[in-house]
């Protein structure tokens, strides 16, 4: 019985480490995707460059890091809306309608996961 418990504990800790590494890779991909998008980010009515948006979201990520267990948490807590006003972030890419950043990033996350 003790052997099964030890095996379970080892398996679950290994799974947890793999899951954390996968989440970190997904978040890093999303941050790179934001920075290299060449889109403008609307935050509280002001437009910002992709680089500025990545820096802002990175700051929020460091603040909320202990609350983030998945890439979806990352999007929800750091990259979808203003913490102050509650207004959604909007993405403005050339030749496209503006879209909520949460929808845009969730779509990219699906693409990234399919490639893995």
C-alpha atoms as a PDB file:
ATOM      1  CA  UNK A   1       0.000   0.000   0.000  1.00  0.00           C
ATOM      2  CA  UNK A   2       2.802   2.421   0.876  1.00  0.00           C
ATOM      3  CA  UNK A   3       4.466   1.687  -2.445  1.00  0.00           C
ATOM      4  CA  UNK A   4       1.320   2.736  -4.330  1.00  0.00           C
ATOM      5  CA  UNK A   5       1.174   5.953  -2.338  1.00  0.00           C
ATOM      6  CA  UNK A   6       4.814   6.750  -3.115  1.00  0.00           C
ATOM      7  CA  UNK A   7       4.273   6.006  -6.814  1.00  0.00           C
ATOM      8  CA  UNK A   8       1.189   8.218  -6.887  1.00  0.00           C
ATOM      9  CA  UNK A   9       2.990  11.096  -5.188  1.00  0.00           C
ATOM     10  CA  UNK A  10       5.936  10.849  -7.587  1.00  0.00           C
ATOM     11  CA  UNK A  11       3.640  10.652 -10.606  1.00  0.00           C
ATOM     12  CA  UNK A  12       1.522  13.614  -9.513  1.00  0.00           C
ATOM     13  CA  UNK A  13       4.549  15.802  -8.787  1.00  0.00           C
ATOM     14  CA  UNK A  14       6.042  14.933 -12.187  1.00  0.00           C
ATOM     15  CA  UNK A  15       2.728  15.737 -13.870  1.00  0.00           C
ATOM     16  CA  UNK A  16       2.544  19.035 -11.986  1.00  0.00           C
ATOM     17  CA  UNK A  17       6.046  20.026 -13.124  1.00  0.00           C
ATOM     18  CA  UNK A  18       5.235  19.181 -16.752  1.00  0.00           C
ATOM     19  CA  UNK A  19       2.000  21.138 -16.505  1.00  0.00           C
ATOM     20  CA  UNK A  20       3.778  24.184 -15.052  1.00  0.00           C
ATOM     21  CA  UNK A  21       6.409  24.045 -17.802  1.00  0.00           C
ATOM     22  CA  UNK A  22       3.699  23.775 -20.453  1.00  0.00           C
ATOM     23  CA  UNK A  23       1.815  26.744 -18.997  1.00  0.00           C
ATOM     24  CA  UNK A  24       4.999  28.824 -18.864  1.00  0.00           C
ATOM     25  CA  UNK A  25       5.732  27.996 -22.516  1.00  0.00           C
ATOM     26  CA  UNK A  26       2.197  28.954 -23.544  1.00  0.00           C
ATOM     27  CA  UNK A  27       2.375  32.257 -21.672  1.00  0.00           C
ATOM     28  CA  UNK A  28       5.771  33.059 -23.164  1.00  0.00           C
ATOM     29  CA  UNK A  29       4.389  32.305 -26.619  1.00  0.00           C
ATOM     30  CA  UNK A  30       1.438  34.649 -26.038  1.00  0.00           C
ATOM     31  CA  UNK A  31       3.735  37.447 -24.849  1.00  0.00           C
ATOM     32  CA  UNK A  32       5.892  37.023 -27.955  1.00  0.00           C
ATOM     33  CA  UNK A  33       2.772  36.884 -30.130  1.00  0.00           C
ATOM     34  CA  UNK A  34       1.589  40.179 -28.624  1.00  0.00           C
ATOM     35  CA  UNK A  35       4.940  41.901 -29.108  1.00  0.00           C
ATOM     36  CA  UNK A  36       5.428  40.780 -32.707  1.00  0.00           C
ATOM     37  CA  UNK A  37       1.830  41.283 -33.858  1.00  0.00           C
ATOM     38  CA  UNK A  38       2.252  44.791 -35.329  1.00  0.00           C
ATOM     39  CA  UNK A  39      -1.254  45.505 -34.029  1.00  0.00           C
ATOM     40  CA  UNK A  40      -2.327  48.394 -31.839  1.00  0.00           C
ATOM     41  CA  UNK A  41      -3.791  47.777 -28.415  1.00  0.00           C
ATOM     42  CA  UNK A  42      -6.579  49.921 -27.070  1.00  0.00           C
ATOM     43  CA  UNK A  43      -6.519  50.314 -23.316  1.00  0.00           C
ATOM     44  CA  UNK A  44      -8.982  52.680 -21.641  1.00  0.00           C
ATOM     45  CA  UNK A  45      -9.542  54.535 -24.906  1.00  0.00           C
ATOM     46  CA  UNK A  46      -5.846  55.048 -25.737  1.00  0.00           C
ATOM     47  CA  UNK A  47      -3.935  53.218 -28.451  1.00  0.00           C
ATOM     48  CA  UNK A  48      -0.608  51.585 -27.612  1.00  0.00           C
ATOM     49  CA  UNK A  49       2.038  49.808 -29.667  1.00  0.00           C
ATOM     50  CA  UNK A  50       2.461  46.057 -29.515  1.00  0.00           C
ATOM     51  CA  UNK A  51       5.723  46.499 -27.626  1.00  0.00           C
ATOM     52  CA  UNK A  52       4.099  48.773 -25.026  1.00  0.00           C
ATOM     53  CA  UNK A  53       1.215  46.327 -24.671  1.00  0.00           C
ATOM     54  CA  UNK A  54       3.616  43.450 -24.043  1.00  0.00           C
ATOM     55  CA  UNK A  55       5.436  45.460 -21.378  1.00  0.00           C
ATOM     56  CA  UNK A  56       2.166  46.409 -19.672  1.00  0.00           C
ATOM     57  CA  UNK A  57       0.846  42.847 -19.720  1.00  0.00           C
ATOM     58  CA  UNK A  58       4.198  41.525 -18.461  1.00  0.00           C
ATOM     59  CA  UNK A  59       3.968  43.854 -15.453  1.00  0.00           C
ATOM     60  CA  UNK A  60       0.466  42.607 -14.730  1.00  0.00           C
ATOM     61  CA  UNK A  61       1.688  39.019 -15.148  1.00  0.00           C
ATOM     62  CA  UNK A  62       4.347  39.499 -12.481  1.00  0.00           C
ATOM     63  CA  UNK A  63       1.728  40.999 -10.169  1.00  0.00           C
ATOM     64  CA  UNK A  64      -0.793  38.152 -10.674  1.00  0.00           C
ATOM     65  CA  UNK A  65       1.739  35.340 -11.123  1.00  0.00           C
ATOM     66  CA  UNK A  66       0.734  33.483  -7.947  1.00  0.00           C
ATOM     67  CA  UNK A  67      -2.911  33.397  -9.105  1.00  0.00           C
ATOM     68  CA  UNK A  68      -2.153  32.053 -12.582  1.00  0.00           C
ATOM     69  CA  UNK A  69      -2.350  28.296 -13.098  1.00  0.00           C
ATOM     70  CA  UNK A  70      -3.064  28.200 -16.833  1.00  0.00           C
ATOM     71  CA  UNK A  71      -2.678  30.238 -19.990  1.00  0.00           C
ATOM     72  CA  UNK A  72      -6.400  30.959 -19.765  1.00  0.00           C
ATOM     73  CA  UNK A  73      -5.844  32.460 -16.292  1.00  0.00           C
ATOM     74  CA  UNK A  74      -3.034  34.566 -17.762  1.00  0.00           C
ATOM     75  CA  UNK A  75      -5.345  35.909 -20.457  1.00  0.00           C
ATOM     76  CA  UNK A  76      -8.193  36.549 -18.038  1.00  0.00           C
ATOM     77  CA  UNK A  77      -6.144  38.236 -15.314  1.00  0.00           C
ATOM     78  CA  UNK A  78      -3.554  40.162 -17.301  1.00  0.00           C
ATOM     79  CA  UNK A  79      -4.464  40.573 -20.954  1.00  0.00           C
ATOM     80  CA  UNK A  80      -8.219  40.970 -21.294  1.00  0.00           C
ATOM     81  CA  UNK A  81      -9.289  44.118 -19.462  1.00  0.00           C
ATOM     82  CA  UNK A  82      -8.211  47.087 -17.409  1.00  0.00           C
ATOM     83  CA  UNK A  83      -7.889  46.342 -13.720  1.00  0.00           C
ATOM     84  CA  UNK A  84      -8.891  49.929 -12.958  1.00  0.00           C
ATOM     85  CA  UNK A  85     -11.844  50.595 -15.249  1.00  0.00           C
ATOM     86  CA  UNK A  86     -12.895  47.052 -16.156  1.00  0.00           C
ATOM     87  CA  UNK A  87     -13.001  48.040 -19.841  1.00  0.00           C
ATOM     88  CA  UNK A  88     -11.910  45.283 -22.224  1.00  0.00           C
ATOM     89  CA  UNK A  89      -8.661  45.655 -24.133  1.00  0.00           C
ATOM     90  CA  UNK A  90      -9.237  45.838 -27.876  1.00  0.00           C
ATOM     91  CA  UNK A  91      -6.878  44.792 -30.646  1.00  0.00           C
ATOM     92  CA  UNK A  92      -6.664  46.850 -33.852  1.00  0.00           C
ATOM     93  CA  UNK A  93      -4.842  45.078 -36.678  1.00  0.00           C
ATOM     94  CA  UNK A  94      -4.655  46.442 -40.201  1.00  0.00           C
ATOM     95  CA  UNK A  95      -7.431  45.305 -42.536  1.00  0.00           C
ATOM     96  CA  UNK A  96      -9.402  43.767 -39.654  1.00  0.00           C
ATOM     97  CA  UNK A  97     -12.212  44.777 -37.348  1.00  0.00           C
ATOM     98  CA  UNK A  98     -11.189  45.443 -33.777  1.00  0.00           C
ATOM     99  CA  UNK A  99     -11.520  42.429 -31.507  1.00  0.00           C
ATOM    100  CA  UNK A 100     -11.420  41.894 -27.755  1.00  0.00           C
ATOM    101  CA  UNK A 101      -7.919  40.885 -26.749  1.00  0.00           C
ATOM    102  CA  UNK A 102      -9.236  37.899 -24.799  1.00  0.00           C
ATOM    103  CA  UNK A 103     -10.838  36.442 -27.950  1.00  0.00           C
ATOM    104  CA  UNK A 104      -7.740  37.190 -30.013  1.00  0.00           C
ATOM    105  CA  UNK A 105      -5.379  35.547 -27.523  1.00  0.00           C
ATOM    106  CA  UNK A 106      -7.607  32.520 -26.894  1.00  0.00           C
ATOM    107  CA  UNK A 107      -7.701  31.948 -30.642  1.00  0.00           C
ATOM    108  CA  UNK A 108      -3.900  32.101 -30.844  1.00  0.00           C
ATOM    109  CA  UNK A 109      -3.610  29.767 -27.845  1.00  0.00           C
ATOM    110  CA  UNK A 110      -5.709  27.164 -29.691  1.00  0.00           C
ATOM    111  CA  UNK A 111      -3.428  27.451 -32.730  1.00  0.00           C
ATOM    112  CA  UNK A 112      -0.326  27.087 -30.550  1.00  0.00           C
ATOM    113  CA  UNK A 113      -1.690  24.018 -28.765  1.00  0.00           C
ATOM    114  CA  UNK A 114      -2.553  22.299 -32.045  1.00  0.00           C
ATOM    115  CA  UNK A 115       1.051  22.715 -33.207  1.00  0.00           C
ATOM    116  CA  UNK A 116       2.455  20.992 -30.119  1.00  0.00           C
END
